[in-house]
């Protein structure tokens, strides 16, 4: 009976050791991800956190507002509801993110970010605004 218990304990100890090493690798991956975002956006570590919070809250606010507005429209056909919802969320998202960015002190970052997105999508002309934004 003793060898089975030892075998179980050894297996459990190996699994625990593997999970620790996996956790360390995961921590390194997250640190690396935050460092890459920090370099890409040219911001401080705390600003990366504030920007990610702005994205999260702005996206949640967009979904919530979109759902409330869709309830007011009272569209019966499912396919039409989906199309209108996607268009509405696409229009609401930049507004929500800009609104939330004011409270997190990241308005300047997000105006540049949205201009860059607009240029990539062909909505904003490359020289629009007179300033060059580096986001």
Protein backbone atom coordinates (compact mmCIF):
# COMPACT_ATOMS: atom_id res chain seq x y z
CA UNK A 1 0.00 0.00 0.00
CA UNK A 2 2.84 2.39 0.73
CA UNK A 3 4.36 2.39 -2.82
CA UNK A 4 1.05 3.51 -4.34
CA UNK A 5 0.79 6.41 -1.93
CA UNK A 6 4.38 7.43 -2.65
CA UNK A 7 3.69 7.17 -6.39
CA UNK A 8 0.62 9.36 -6.01
CA UNK A 9 2.48 11.92 -3.93
CA UNK A 10 5.37 12.01 -6.39
CA UNK A 11 2.97 12.45 -9.31
CA UNK A 12 1.12 15.19 -7.44
CA UNK A 13 4.42 16.92 -6.60
CA UNK A 14 5.48 16.81 -10.27
CA UNK A 15 2.14 18.25 -11.38
CA UNK A 16 2.41 21.02 -8.81
CA UNK A 17 5.94 21.83 -9.98
CA UNK A 18 4.76 21.95 -13.62
CA UNK A 19 1.92 24.32 -12.71
CA UNK A 20 4.41 26.61 -10.95
CA UNK A 21 6.67 26.71 -14.01
CA UNK A 22 3.63 27.32 -16.24
CA UNK A 23 2.54 30.15 -13.97
CA UNK A 24 6.00 31.70 -14.24
CA UNK A 25 5.88 31.44 -18.02
CA UNK A 26 2.41 33.01 -18.02
CA UNK A 27 3.64 35.85 -15.82
CA UNK A 28 6.55 36.42 -18.18
CA UNK A 29 4.18 36.45 -21.13
CA UNK A 30 1.93 39.07 -19.47
CA UNK A 31 4.91 41.22 -18.52
CA UNK A 32 6.24 40.95 -22.06
CA UNK A 33 2.83 41.87 -23.46
CA UNK A 34 2.56 44.99 -21.27
CA UNK A 35 6.12 46.00 -22.15
CA UNK A 36 5.39 45.66 -25.87
CA UNK A 37 2.23 47.76 -25.54
CA UNK A 38 4.17 50.34 -23.56
CA UNK A 39 6.82 50.58 -26.29
CA UNK A 40 4.29 50.56 -29.14
CA UNK A 41 2.12 53.29 -27.65
CA UNK A 42 5.11 55.18 -26.13
CA UNK A 43 3.42 55.55 -22.74
CA UNK A 44 4.25 54.76 -19.11
CA UNK A 45 3.25 51.57 -17.33
CA UNK A 46 0.38 53.20 -15.45
CA UNK A 47 -0.89 54.72 -18.70
CA UNK A 48 -1.06 51.24 -20.26
CA UNK A 49 -3.27 50.17 -17.37
CA UNK A 50 -5.47 53.26 -17.73
CA UNK A 51 -5.74 52.75 -21.50
CA UNK A 52 -6.75 49.10 -21.08
CA UNK A 53 -9.35 50.11 -18.47
CA UNK A 54 -10.68 52.72 -20.89
CA UNK A 55 -10.97 50.12 -23.65
CA UNK A 56 -12.76 47.70 -21.32
CA UNK A 57 -15.22 50.18 -19.83
CA UNK A 58 -15.81 51.91 -23.18
CA UNK A 59 -16.56 48.58 -24.86
CA UNK A 60 -18.91 47.52 -22.07
CA UNK A 61 -20.67 50.88 -22.19
CA UNK A 62 -21.06 50.51 -25.95
CA UNK A 63 -22.69 47.10 -25.62
CA UNK A 64 -24.99 48.29 -22.85
CA UNK A 65 -26.05 51.47 -24.69
CA UNK A 66 -26.49 49.58 -27.95
CA UNK A 67 -28.76 47.03 -26.31
CA UNK A 68 -30.87 49.76 -24.67
CA UNK A 69 -31.21 51.67 -27.95
CA UNK A 70 -32.13 48.49 -29.81
CA UNK A 71 -34.93 47.85 -27.32
CA UNK A 72 -36.33 51.28 -28.18
CA UNK A 73 -36.31 50.51 -31.91
CA UNK A 74 -38.37 47.32 -31.46
CA UNK A 75 -37.14 45.51 -34.59
CA UNK A 76 -38.84 42.13 -35.10
CA UNK A 77 -36.74 40.49 -37.83
CA UNK A 78 -33.62 38.86 -36.36
CA UNK A 79 -31.35 39.50 -39.37
CA UNK A 80 -32.27 43.19 -39.47
CA UNK A 81 -31.77 43.49 -35.69
CA UNK A 82 -28.24 42.07 -36.03
CA UNK A 83 -27.31 44.37 -38.93
CA UNK A 84 -28.64 47.48 -37.16
CA UNK A 85 -26.94 46.48 -33.88
CA UNK A 86 -23.54 46.04 -35.58
CA UNK A 87 -23.85 49.43 -37.29
CA UNK A 88 -24.98 51.08 -34.05
CA UNK A 89 -22.13 49.59 -32.01
CA UNK A 90 -19.63 50.61 -34.68
CA UNK A 91 -20.83 54.21 -34.42
CA UNK A 92 -21.20 54.24 -30.62
CA UNK A 93 -17.81 52.72 -29.75
CA UNK A 94 -15.58 55.71 -30.58
CA UNK A 95 -17.96 58.05 -28.76
CA UNK A 96 -18.04 55.82 -25.66
CA UNK A 97 -14.26 55.36 -25.62
CA UNK A 98 -13.67 59.11 -25.94
CA UNK A 99 -16.18 59.80 -23.18
CA UNK A 100 -14.57 57.29 -20.82
CA UNK A 101 -11.06 58.46 -21.74
CA UNK A 102 -11.83 61.90 -20.31
CA UNK A 103 -12.39 60.38 -16.87
CA UNK A 104 -9.18 58.32 -17.06
CA UNK A 105 -7.10 61.24 -18.36
CA UNK A 106 -6.32 59.50 -21.64
CA UNK A 107 -8.29 61.73 -24.03
CA UNK A 108 -5.20 62.83 -25.95
CA UNK A 109 -4.12 59.23 -26.52
CA UNK A 110 -7.56 58.16 -27.75
CA UNK A 111 -8.05 61.10 -30.10
CA UNK A 112 -4.77 60.13 -31.79
CA UNK A 113 -5.71 56.45 -31.71
CA UNK A 114 -9.09 57.06 -33.32
CA UNK A 115 -7.59 59.35 -35.97
CA UNK A 116 -5.09 56.64 -36.85
CA UNK A 117 -7.87 54.06 -37.05
CA UNK A 118 -9.90 56.41 -39.24
CA UNK A 119 -6.97 56.88 -41.61
CA UNK A 120 -6.45 53.13 -41.88
CA UNK A 121 -10.14 52.60 -42.64
CA UNK A 122 -10.17 55.46 -45.16
CA UNK A 123 -12.65 57.55 -43.16
CA UNK A 124 -10.20 60.30 -42.19
CA UNK A 125 -7.85 61.90 -44.74
CA UNK A 126 -4.14 61.44 -43.96
CA UNK A 127 -3.53 65.15 -43.41
CA UNK A 128 -6.76 65.85 -41.49
CA UNK A 129 -6.46 67.77 -38.25
CA UNK A 130 -3.18 69.47 -39.06
CA UNK A 131 -1.32 67.45 -36.43
CA UNK A 132 0.56 64.23 -36.82
CA UNK A 133 -0.44 61.72 -34.18
CA UNK A 134 1.93 58.96 -33.09
CA UNK A 135 -0.10 56.20 -31.55
